[in-house]
Amino acid sequence: MKCMTLAVVATLLLLSAGVAQAAKKNDVFVPGKPLAEQIQRIEGEMGDGKTYAELKLEDRSRVREALGRMRITLERFPDESGIPAVAKTDLFNDQQIVNTLLTQAREDSRLICRREKATGSNFAVTQCLTLAERERNKNDAQQRMNNAQRVGNFDNF
């Protein structure tokens, strides 16, 4: 009985450690690395046109504003250990904004491939789209259906 309990506890500890590691991997900011280097890396990734391609314009502006505030704070206090508590709180809040928006953009940029049969055919075709593209296609199709039902025009777009 004790062996079974120990095995269950050990398994739960390993699972919780794995979940904690997965949560850390998803964050954009990596703890322990210099903040200035991470800000520079994030700005480079935002500028490459691929990494956060699905980031909306207003979200991109919010991220750039947060990174700018963080950069100003780091310029005022070059030694990260000497940053006052209020400034640390502001830095943390800006990090959370950046983490939230960029993590969501990364998820939306995920490529999903499906094998689908075209209507009237038995041949399966692989169709690869990002999550955001799939969502846009779904919304566009829904909008076209609503317009067609309202107006009575069933043109193929």
C-alpha atoms as a PDB file:
ATOM      1  CA  MET A   1       0.000   0.000   0.000  1.00  0.00           C
ATOM      2  CA  LYS A   2       2.838   2.371   0.889  1.00  0.00           C
ATOM      3  CA  CYS A   3       4.630   1.564  -2.367  1.00  0.00           C
ATOM      4  CA  MET A   4       1.487   2.373  -4.329  1.00  0.00           C
ATOM      5  CA  THR A   5       1.037   5.687  -2.498  1.00  0.00           C
ATOM      6  CA  LEU A   6       4.685   6.613  -3.071  1.00  0.00           C
ATOM      7  CA  ALA A   7       4.382   5.769  -6.743  1.00  0.00           C
ATOM      8  CA  VAL A   8       1.276   7.939  -7.107  1.00  0.00           C
ATOM      9  CA  VAL A   9       2.913  10.854  -5.270  1.00  0.00           C
ATOM     10  CA  ALA A  10       6.078  10.534  -7.378  1.00  0.00           C
ATOM     11  CA  THR A  11       4.010  10.490 -10.567  1.00  0.00           C
ATOM     12  CA  LEU A  12       2.062  13.576  -9.513  1.00  0.00           C
ATOM     13  CA  LEU A  13       5.283  15.425  -8.689  1.00  0.00           C
ATOM     14  CA  LEU A  14       6.765  14.565 -12.073  1.00  0.00           C
ATOM     15  CA  LEU A  15       3.588  15.664 -13.855  1.00  0.00           C
ATOM     16  CA  SER A  16       3.465  18.960 -11.972  1.00  0.00           C
ATOM     17  CA  ALA A  17       7.147  19.587 -12.788  1.00  0.00           C
ATOM     18  CA  GLY A  18       6.398  18.926 -16.451  1.00  0.00           C
ATOM     19  CA  VAL A  19       3.453  21.334 -16.416  1.00  0.00           C
ATOM     20  CA  ALA A  20       5.612  24.000 -14.756  1.00  0.00           C
ATOM     21  CA  GLN A  21       8.316  23.535 -17.414  1.00  0.00           C
ATOM     22  CA  ALA A  22       5.728  23.758 -20.206  1.00  0.00           C
ATOM     23  CA  ALA A  23       4.374  27.009 -18.754  1.00  0.00           C
ATOM     24  CA  LYS A  24       7.886  28.466 -18.619  1.00  0.00           C
ATOM     25  CA  LYS A  25       8.622  27.511 -22.235  1.00  0.00           C
ATOM     26  CA  ASN A  26       5.545  29.346 -23.504  1.00  0.00           C
ATOM     27  CA  ASP A  27       6.545  32.682 -22.001  1.00  0.00           C
ATOM     28  CA  VAL A  28       8.298  35.143 -24.257  1.00  0.00           C
ATOM     29  CA  PHE A  29      10.532  36.496 -21.482  1.00  0.00           C
ATOM     30  CA  VAL A  30      12.966  33.950 -20.072  1.00  0.00           C
ATOM     31  CA  PRO A  31      13.737  34.391 -16.358  1.00  0.00           C
ATOM     32  CA  GLY A  32      17.386  34.869 -15.494  1.00  0.00           C
ATOM     33  CA  LYS A  33      18.452  36.449 -18.780  1.00  0.00           C
ATOM     34  CA  PRO A  34      19.218  40.191 -19.062  1.00  0.00           C
ATOM     35  CA  LEU A  35      16.061  42.109 -19.833  1.00  0.00           C
ATOM     36  CA  ALA A  36      17.691  44.465 -22.352  1.00  0.00           C
ATOM     37  CA  GLU A  37      18.848  41.520 -24.503  1.00  0.00           C
ATOM     38  CA  GLN A  38      15.388  39.966 -24.397  1.00  0.00           C
ATOM     39  CA  ILE A  39      13.731  43.232 -25.437  1.00  0.00           C
ATOM     40  CA  GLN A  40      16.124  43.481 -28.377  1.00  0.00           C
ATOM     41  CA  ARG A  41      15.401  39.847 -29.358  1.00  0.00           C
ATOM     42  CA  ILE A  42      11.630  40.398 -29.213  1.00  0.00           C
ATOM     43  CA  GLU A  43      11.840  43.557 -31.325  1.00  0.00           C
ATOM     44  CA  GLY A  44      13.892  41.635 -33.895  1.00  0.00           C
ATOM     45  CA  GLU A  45      11.351  38.803 -33.972  1.00  0.00           C
ATOM     46  CA  MET A  46       8.504  41.289 -34.422  1.00  0.00           C
ATOM     47  CA  GLY A  47      10.342  42.902 -37.327  1.00  0.00           C
ATOM     48  CA  ASP A  48      11.148  39.700 -39.229  1.00  0.00           C
ATOM     49  CA  GLY A  49       7.591  39.404 -40.565  1.00  0.00           C
ATOM     50  CA  LYS A  50       7.265  35.701 -39.733  1.00  0.00           C
ATOM     51  CA  THR A  51       7.421  35.048 -35.997  1.00  0.00           C
ATOM     52  CA  TYR A  52       4.446  37.172 -34.941  1.00  0.00           C
ATOM     53  CA  ALA A  53       2.787  37.631 -38.331  1.00  0.00           C
ATOM     54  CA  GLU A  54      -0.709  37.118 -36.910  1.00  0.00           C
ATOM     55  CA  LEU A  55      -0.341  39.935 -34.364  1.00  0.00           C
ATOM     56  CA  LYS A  56      -3.078  42.516 -34.888  1.00  0.00           C
ATOM     57  CA  LEU A  57      -2.059  46.126 -35.494  1.00  0.00           C
ATOM     58  CA  GLU A  58      -3.430  47.413 -32.178  1.00  0.00           C
ATOM     59  CA  ASP A  59      -1.773  44.544 -30.284  1.00  0.00           C
ATOM     60  CA  ARG A  60       1.504  45.209 -32.101  1.00  0.00           C
ATOM     61  CA  SER A  61       1.261  48.856 -30.969  1.00  0.00           C
ATOM     62  CA  ARG A  62       0.578  47.812 -27.375  1.00  0.00           C
ATOM     63  CA  VAL A  63       3.595  45.491 -27.400  1.00  0.00           C
ATOM     64  CA  ARG A  64       5.862  48.205 -28.849  1.00  0.00           C
ATOM     65  CA  GLU A  65       4.634  50.700 -26.229  1.00  0.00           C
ATOM     66  CA  ALA A  66       5.265  48.239 -23.402  1.00  0.00           C
ATOM     67  CA  LEU A  67       8.736  47.425 -24.750  1.00  0.00           C
ATOM     68  CA  GLY A  68       9.475  51.154 -25.038  1.00  0.00           C
ATOM     69  CA  ARG A  69       8.463  51.760 -21.401  1.00  0.00           C
ATOM     70  CA  MET A  70      10.613  48.829 -20.339  1.00  0.00           C
ATOM     71  CA  ARG A  71      13.591  50.151 -22.315  1.00  0.00           C
ATOM     72  CA  ILE A  72      13.217  53.615 -20.713  1.00  0.00           C
ATOM     73  CA  THR A  73      13.121  52.072 -17.231  1.00  0.00           C
ATOM     74  CA  LEU A  74      16.241  50.032 -17.969  1.00  0.00           C
ATOM     75  CA  GLU A  75      18.033  53.131 -19.291  1.00  0.00           C
ATOM     76  CA  ARG A  76      17.165  55.037 -16.101  1.00  0.00           C
ATOM     77  CA  PHE A  77      18.331  52.133 -13.905  1.00  0.00           C
ATOM     78  CA  PRO A  78      21.165  50.314 -15.719  1.00  0.00           C
ATOM     79  CA  ASP A  79      21.726  47.989 -12.740  1.00  0.00           C
ATOM     80  CA  GLU A  80      18.645  45.747 -12.627  1.00  0.00           C
ATOM     81  CA  SER A  81      19.155  45.047  -8.936  1.00  0.00           C
ATOM     82  CA  GLY A  82      18.854  48.777  -8.119  1.00  0.00           C
ATOM     83  CA  ILE A  83      15.418  49.285  -9.662  1.00  0.00           C
ATOM     84  CA  PRO A  84      12.884  50.697  -7.144  1.00  0.00           C
ATOM     85  CA  ALA A  85       9.850  48.609  -6.212  1.00  0.00           C
ATOM     86  CA  VAL A  86       7.387  50.786  -8.139  1.00  0.00           C
ATOM     87  CA  ALA A  87       9.476  50.556 -11.313  1.00  0.00           C
ATOM     88  CA  LYS A  88       9.830  46.784 -10.839  1.00  0.00           C
ATOM     89  CA  THR A  89       6.059  46.491 -10.630  1.00  0.00           C
ATOM     90  CA  ASP A  90       5.681  48.512 -13.828  1.00  0.00           C
ATOM     91  CA  LEU A  91       8.303  46.328 -15.536  1.00  0.00           C
ATOM     92  CA  PHE A  92       6.492  43.188 -14.427  1.00  0.00           C
ATOM     93  CA  ASN A  93       3.138  44.527 -15.681  1.00  0.00           C
ATOM     94  CA  ASP A  94       4.660  45.413 -19.051  1.00  0.00           C
ATOM     95  CA  GLN A  95       6.242  41.944 -19.239  1.00  0.00           C
ATOM     96  CA  GLN A  96       2.829  40.394 -18.627  1.00  0.00           C
ATOM     97  CA  ILE A  97       1.291  42.487 -21.423  1.00  0.00           C
ATOM     98  CA  VAL A  98       4.025  41.421 -23.849  1.00  0.00           C
ATOM     99  CA  ASN A  99       3.876  37.765 -22.751  1.00  0.00           C
ATOM    100  CA  THR A 100       0.098  37.603 -23.114  1.00  0.00           C
ATOM    101  CA  LEU A 101      -0.112  39.245 -26.533  1.00  0.00           C
ATOM    102  CA  LEU A 102       2.885  37.517 -28.107  1.00  0.00           C
ATOM    103  CA  THR A 103       1.971  34.088 -26.739  1.00  0.00           C
ATOM    104  CA  GLN A 104      -1.495  34.444 -28.272  1.00  0.00           C
ATOM    105  CA  ALA A 105       0.025  35.588 -31.569  1.00  0.00           C
ATOM    106  CA  ARG A 106       2.382  32.599 -31.531  1.00  0.00           C
ATOM    107  CA  GLU A 107      -0.589  30.268 -30.998  1.00  0.00           C
ATOM    108  CA  ASP A 108      -2.499  31.924 -33.848  1.00  0.00           C
ATOM    109  CA  SER A 109       0.522  31.469 -36.139  1.00  0.00           C
ATOM    110  CA  ARG A 110       0.606  27.712 -35.553  1.00  0.00           C
ATOM    111  CA  LEU A 111       0.371  25.771 -38.814  1.00  0.00           C
ATOM    112  CA  ILE A 112      -2.308  23.068 -38.852  1.00  0.00           C
ATOM    113  CA  CYS A 113      -2.453  20.548 -41.697  1.00  0.00           C
ATOM    114  CA  ARG A 114      -5.487  18.412 -42.486  1.00  0.00           C
ATOM    115  CA  ARG A 115      -6.208  15.812 -45.133  1.00  0.00           C
ATOM    116  CA  GLU A 116      -9.556  16.668 -46.690  1.00  0.00           C
ATOM    117  CA  LYS A 117     -11.508  15.278 -49.598  1.00  0.00           C
ATOM    118  CA  ALA A 118     -12.779  17.830 -52.072  1.00  0.00           C
ATOM    119  CA  THR A 119     -16.489  17.751 -52.820  1.00  0.00           C
ATOM    120  CA  GLY A 120     -17.155  15.194 -55.559  1.00  0.00           C
ATOM    121  CA  SER A 121     -13.736  13.584 -55.308  1.00  0.00           C
ATOM    122  CA  ASN A 122     -12.278  10.625 -53.460  1.00  0.00           C
ATOM    123  CA  PHE A 123      -8.757  12.037 -53.454  1.00  0.00           C
ATOM    124  CA  ALA A 124      -7.610  13.509 -50.166  1.00  0.00           C
ATOM    125  CA  VAL A 125      -5.634  16.717 -50.373  1.00  0.00           C
ATOM    126  CA  THR A 126      -3.442  18.099 -47.609  1.00  0.00           C
ATOM    127  CA  GLN A 127      -4.466  21.611 -46.667  1.00  0.00           C
ATOM    128  CA  CYS A 128      -2.130  23.565 -44.361  1.00  0.00           C
ATOM    129  CA  LEU A 129      -3.304  26.853 -42.851  1.00  0.00           C
ATOM    130  CA  THR A 130      -2.482  28.770 -39.711  1.00  0.00           C
ATOM    131  CA  LEU A 131      -5.014  28.832 -36.922  1.00  0.00           C
ATOM    132  CA  ALA A 132      -5.764  32.491 -37.648  1.00  0.00           C
ATOM    133  CA  GLU A 133      -6.274  31.798 -41.379  1.00  0.00           C
ATOM    134  CA  ARG A 134      -8.712  29.017 -40.546  1.00  0.00           C
ATOM    135  CA  GLU A 135     -10.613  31.361 -38.235  1.00  0.00           C
ATOM    136  CA  ARG A 136     -10.708  34.104 -40.905  1.00  0.00           C
ATOM    137  CA  ASN A 137     -11.931  31.627 -43.538  1.00  0.00           C
ATOM    138  CA  LYS A 138     -14.642  30.403 -41.191  1.00  0.00           C
ATOM    139  CA  ASN A 139     -15.783  33.965 -40.408  1.00  0.00           C
ATOM    140  CA  ASP A 140     -15.744  34.934 -44.106  1.00  0.00           C
ATOM    141  CA  ALA A 141     -17.824  31.893 -45.051  1.00  0.00           C
ATOM    142  CA  GLN A 142     -20.292  32.659 -42.270  1.00  0.00           C
ATOM    143  CA  GLN A 143     -20.531  36.284 -43.427  1.00  0.00           C
ATOM    144  CA  ARG A 144     -21.110  35.226 -47.056  1.00  0.00           C
ATOM    145  CA  MET A 145     -23.840  32.802 -45.955  1.00  0.00           C
ATOM    146  CA  ASN A 146     -25.541  35.489 -43.886  1.00  0.00           C
ATOM    147  CA  ASN A 147     -25.408  37.939 -46.812  1.00  0.00           C
ATOM    148  CA  ALA A 148     -26.672  35.313 -49.251  1.00  0.00           C
ATOM    149  CA  GLN A 149     -29.611  34.447 -47.011  1.00  0.00           C
ATOM    150  CA  ARG A 150     -30.447  38.082 -46.395  1.00  0.00           C
ATOM    151  CA  VAL A 151     -30.073  39.321 -49.980  1.00  0.00           C
ATOM    152  CA  GLY A 152     -30.775  36.088 -51.817  1.00  0.00           C
ATOM    153  CA  ASN A 153     -27.610  36.266 -53.886  1.00  0.00           C
ATOM    154  CA  PHE A 154     -25.693  32.988 -54.002  1.00  0.00           C
ATOM    155  CA  ASP A 155     -22.652  34.040 -56.053  1.00  0.00           C
ATOM    156  CA  ASN A 156     -19.469  32.085 -55.548  1.00  0.00           C
ATOM    157  CA  PHE A 157     -16.715  34.425 -54.448  1.00  0.00           C
END
